[in-house]
Amino acid sequence: MPALSSVLIPYASYLRVYEPLAAFPEPERSHWARYARREATPTAQDELRRSLADLLPTPPVPVPVHESGDAFVTEVDEVVCVCPWRTRLRGWLALEELAERLPPALLDAVLPPVVRGQAAADYEQWRERNPDARPWIMTSLWQVPVRWFVLFGDEEREYEAAGPAVVPVLRYRTPMVQARRRVARTLKTLRESVDDGLLADGLLEVGRWLEEFHPRSLVELDYGGLVHALPGSQLAEDRSAADVAEGIAALAAGDGEGAGEAYGRLMERWRTVRDRQFAN
């Protein structure tokens, strides 16, 4: 469980893929093999602090000049798996999404047009050299998207409560094959039972992303900084993946009322976080 820092950076959740070393070509495979042998590796908070530090200069640096050589590391059945940060690629992708989230005047104040224009030009050139690149990490602010919960079962929930000098952890982990299977089953249910294009389209996008990775990968949903936006008692009782699974099962059984009740519990649980998002 991570140590409590004097500066905690909320409020984002993460969907990550950890691939076995065999999935990486040389010389990258050797780099990650050496990296994984370190006594300690950076945390998600470290990654966020580095990204935010780049926004302090004038003009700000929205996308790192060089790609990160860091990764998250874990073991699956004694096989080392890594999740590269790829902060440069993710910076470009986040910059594209930012235009959809912020009003033009606010966006110009945060990131001047000339800065965004240069970043966009750099990204276009980079994509020409790396047409098949994809991130190992998806990020969501102030929420965990419903479609992410589809990938996991309640039995895969891992919760560690807060303690002296430590922060709570809430995450789910599942094998890639299981995540893909759940996506396929849920898409089939949605197409046969409801006309919910938004959820189905989002889940289809996640499914296509998962297909890019090694079949023996590990998929992780990490509540990340959202643990600071949820009261301790609510966090301990959070069973969002179970609610989503119950709702999908109800739809498959033709029980619209049961599906609505499960969805209602999910929305009520996350109302606290949504309210904090728009508070001063």
Foldseek 3Di string as FASTA:
>chain_A
DDFADPDADDDKKKKFKWAFLVQDDPPLSVLVVVVVPDPDFDDPRVVVVVQVVQVPDVNGQLADPDFDSGWDWDDDPNTITTFGQRRRVVSLVVLVCVPVVDDPVVVCVSHNPVNNVVSVVVVVVVCVVVVPDDHRMDMDHLDDDLLVLLQFDLVQWDWDPDDVRHHIWIKGKDQLVSSLVSLVLLLVLCVPFHDDVVSNVVSVVVNVVSVSGDNRMMIMIISRRNSVQADRVLVVVDRLSNLSVQLSVCSSVVNNVRNVVSVVVNCVSSVSSVVVVPDD
